Amino acid sequence: MSSDGPEKDRKATAVTEHEDSDKWALLVADLQRKVDEQEQAHYSATVLMQARNPTNLGRMDSPDGYAVITGPCGDTMEIYLRCDGGVIQEAKFMTDGCGTSLASGNMLTTMVLGMALDDANRVSPRDLLVALDGLPDESTHCAHLAVNTLRKAIENARHAGSLGAV
């Protein structure tokens, strides 16, 4: 056996590991491409953007209004509101639900920023669906869950007295 035998074996092993790593990376990239294609076939670009990049996801300490509702599908939505003079200054949400729950919560909390409570209370599930560029029929309940949670958060803020009757 030559003195470069073990070194040659290490190099061959490294090359094989690198080739295996490349194969896995290609497999993962192909799988991700297929998932992306399926999502794009079912959801609007707006829904995908809202679900993948939720800017209002999070909880809030000492909100002026808060509500949590579990929908018929089992998803839970929480909405937190911070208001000043009856106007929503900050809105956050949390959900343990699917991507359409994420998209619905994020879009809704974005829509109501800067709105008077009365105006925010009038946002309908249909308004949210239009803003999302639609949802598949089997996912429209997510828009209803988000809007119902918002309305309960507004109601709770009013009952807490922190905002007075609006």
Protein backbone atom coordinates (compact mmCIF):
# COMPACT_ATOMS: atom_id res chain seq x y z
CA MET A 1 0.00 0.00 0.00
CA SER A 2 1.35 3.40 -0.92
CA SER A 3 1.64 6.24 1.54
CA ASP A 4 -1.01 8.25 -0.30
CA GLY A 5 -3.62 5.47 0.05
CA PRO A 6 -5.50 6.84 3.10
CA GLU A 7 -5.38 10.38 1.69
CA LYS A 8 -6.73 9.16 -1.64
CA ASP A 9 -9.55 7.33 0.19
CA ARG A 10 -10.45 10.50 2.14
CA LYS A 11 -10.59 12.52 -1.08
CA ALA A 12 -12.77 9.88 -2.78
CA THR A 13 -15.12 9.87 0.23
CA ALA A 14 -15.32 13.66 0.16
CA VAL A 15 -16.16 13.62 -3.55
CA THR A 16 -18.87 10.99 -3.00
CA GLU A 17 -20.36 12.97 -0.09
CA HIS A 18 -20.34 16.11 -2.23
CA GLU A 19 -22.09 14.28 -5.08
CA ASP A 20 -24.71 12.93 -2.63
CA SER A 21 -25.20 16.41 -1.23
CA ASP A 22 -25.70 17.80 -4.76
CA LYS A 23 -28.26 15.07 -5.51
CA TRP A 24 -30.20 15.94 -2.34
CA ALA A 25 -30.09 19.65 -3.14
CA LEU A 26 -31.47 18.93 -6.62
CA LEU A 27 -34.19 16.68 -5.18
CA VAL A 28 -35.20 19.33 -2.63
CA ALA A 29 -35.19 22.08 -5.27
CA ASP A 30 -37.37 19.94 -7.57
CA LEU A 31 -39.79 19.16 -4.75
CA GLN A 32 -40.01 22.86 -3.80
CA ARG A 33 -40.68 23.78 -7.44
CA LYS A 34 -43.56 21.28 -7.54
CA VAL A 35 -45.03 22.61 -4.27
CA ASP A 36 -44.76 26.19 -5.60
CA GLU A 37 -46.53 25.20 -8.83
CA GLN A 38 -49.36 23.55 -6.89
CA GLU A 39 -49.76 26.56 -4.61
CA GLN A 40 -49.79 28.96 -7.56
CA ALA A 41 -52.48 26.87 -9.22
CA HIS A 42 -54.74 27.16 -6.14
CA TYR A 43 -53.95 30.55 -4.57
CA SER A 44 -53.52 34.10 -5.81
CA ALA A 45 -50.14 35.80 -5.67
CA THR A 46 -51.58 38.04 -2.95
CA VAL A 47 -52.55 35.09 -0.75
CA LEU A 48 -49.12 33.51 -1.18
CA MET A 49 -47.34 36.78 -0.37
CA GLN A 50 -49.46 37.36 2.75
CA ALA A 51 -49.02 33.78 3.96
CA ARG A 52 -45.28 33.60 3.30
CA ASN A 53 -44.42 37.06 4.64
CA PRO A 54 -46.84 37.94 7.44
CA THR A 55 -45.87 41.41 8.65
CA ASN A 56 -48.38 41.62 11.51
CA LEU A 57 -47.87 38.18 13.02
CA GLY A 58 -47.27 38.39 16.75
CA ARG A 59 -48.77 39.09 20.11
CA MET A 60 -49.17 42.43 21.84
CA ASP A 61 -48.75 43.32 25.51
CA SER A 62 -51.69 45.21 27.03
CA PRO A 63 -53.81 45.61 23.90
CA ASP A 64 -56.85 47.87 23.92
CA GLY A 65 -58.82 45.08 22.24
CA TYR A 66 -58.21 41.36 22.08
CA ALA A 67 -60.17 38.31 20.97
CA VAL A 68 -59.53 34.67 20.26
CA ILE A 69 -61.89 32.42 18.30
CA THR A 70 -61.51 28.82 17.18
CA GLY A 71 -63.23 28.23 13.86
CA PRO A 72 -65.18 25.17 12.74
CA CYS A 73 -62.08 23.76 11.04
CA GLY A 74 -60.13 23.87 14.31
CA ASP A 75 -57.93 26.86 13.41
CA THR A 76 -57.61 29.46 16.14
CA MET A 77 -57.23 33.17 15.39
CA GLU A 78 -56.18 35.83 17.89
CA ILE A 79 -56.37 39.55 17.13
CA TYR A 80 -54.80 42.34 19.17
CA LEU A 81 -55.63 46.03 18.69
CA ARG A 82 -53.97 49.18 19.97
CA CYS A 83 -56.09 52.29 19.46
CA ASP A 84 -55.84 56.01 19.99
CA GLY A 85 -58.92 58.21 19.80
CA GLY A 86 -61.02 55.36 18.40
CA VAL A 87 -58.56 54.74 15.55
CA ILE A 88 -56.59 51.52 15.16
CA GLN A 89 -52.91 52.40 15.43
CA GLU A 90 -51.54 48.86 15.60
CA ALA A 91 -53.02 45.45 14.84
CA LYS A 92 -51.42 42.05 15.37
CA PHE A 93 -52.64 38.50 14.98
CA MET A 94 -51.66 34.94 15.81
CA THR A 95 -52.99 31.73 14.36
CA ASP A 96 -52.23 28.07 14.60
CA GLY A 97 -53.95 27.58 11.26
CA CYS A 98 -53.03 26.94 7.67
CA GLY A 99 -51.57 29.32 5.10
CA THR A 100 -54.97 30.79 4.25
CA SER A 101 -55.51 31.59 7.94
CA LEU A 102 -52.13 33.32 7.97
CA ALA A 103 -52.98 35.24 4.80
CA SER A 104 -56.42 36.22 6.11
CA GLY A 105 -55.12 37.41 9.48
CA ASN A 106 -52.27 39.36 7.96
CA MET A 107 -54.30 41.02 5.22
CA LEU A 108 -57.11 41.95 7.61
CA THR A 109 -54.80 43.49 10.21
CA THR A 110 -53.10 45.45 7.42
CA MET A 111 -56.44 46.64 6.04
CA VAL A 112 -57.70 48.03 9.36
CA LEU A 113 -54.59 50.00 10.31
CA GLY A 114 -55.55 53.66 10.54
CA MET A 115 -59.29 52.91 10.41
CA ALA A 116 -61.83 54.21 12.87
CA LEU A 117 -63.32 51.37 14.90
CA ASP A 118 -66.74 51.78 13.27
CA ASP A 119 -65.17 51.47 9.82
CA ALA A 120 -63.07 48.47 10.84
CA ASN A 121 -66.17 46.83 12.32
CA ARG A 122 -67.86 47.09 8.91
CA VAL A 123 -65.13 45.21 7.05
CA SER A 124 -66.82 42.08 5.77
CA PRO A 125 -65.47 38.66 4.89
CA ARG A 126 -66.26 39.58 1.28
CA ASP A 127 -64.08 42.71 1.57
CA LEU A 128 -61.25 40.55 2.87
CA LEU A 129 -61.72 37.97 0.11
CA VAL A 130 -61.57 40.75 -2.51
CA ALA A 131 -58.37 42.13 -0.94
CA LEU A 132 -56.83 38.64 -1.07
CA ASP A 133 -57.84 38.25 -4.73
CA GLY A 134 -60.04 35.36 -3.62
CA LEU A 135 -59.64 32.05 -1.84
CA PRO A 136 -60.69 28.57 -2.90
CA ASP A 137 -64.22 27.75 -1.73
CA GLU A 138 -62.92 25.31 0.87
CA SER A 139 -60.81 28.09 2.44
CA THR A 140 -63.25 31.02 2.60
CA HIS A 141 -64.04 30.13 6.22
CA CYS A 142 -60.58 31.53 7.07
CA ALA A 143 -61.70 35.01 6.00
CA HIS A 144 -64.84 34.63 8.13
CA LEU A 145 -62.75 33.52 11.12
CA ALA A 146 -60.43 36.55 10.81
CA VAL A 147 -63.30 39.05 10.45
CA ASN A 148 -65.30 37.52 13.31
CA THR A 149 -62.22 37.68 15.54
CA LEU A 150 -61.65 41.33 14.62
CA ARG A 151 -65.24 42.20 15.44
CA LYS A 152 -64.97 40.46 18.81
CA ALA A 153 -61.71 42.31 19.56
CA ILE A 154 -63.46 45.64 18.81
CA GLU A 155 -66.42 44.63 20.97
CA ASN A 156 -64.13 43.61 23.83
CA ALA A 157 -62.25 46.91 23.63
CA ARG A 158 -65.52 48.79 23.88
CA HIS A 159 -66.70 46.71 26.84
CA ALA A 160 -63.39 47.22 28.60
CA GLY A 161 -64.13 50.95 28.50
CA SER A 162 -60.71 51.87 27.21
CA LEU A 163 -62.22 53.31 24.03
CA GLY A 164 -65.73 54.29 25.09
CA ALA A 165 -68.79 53.80 22.92
CA VAL A 166 -68.07 54.39 19.28
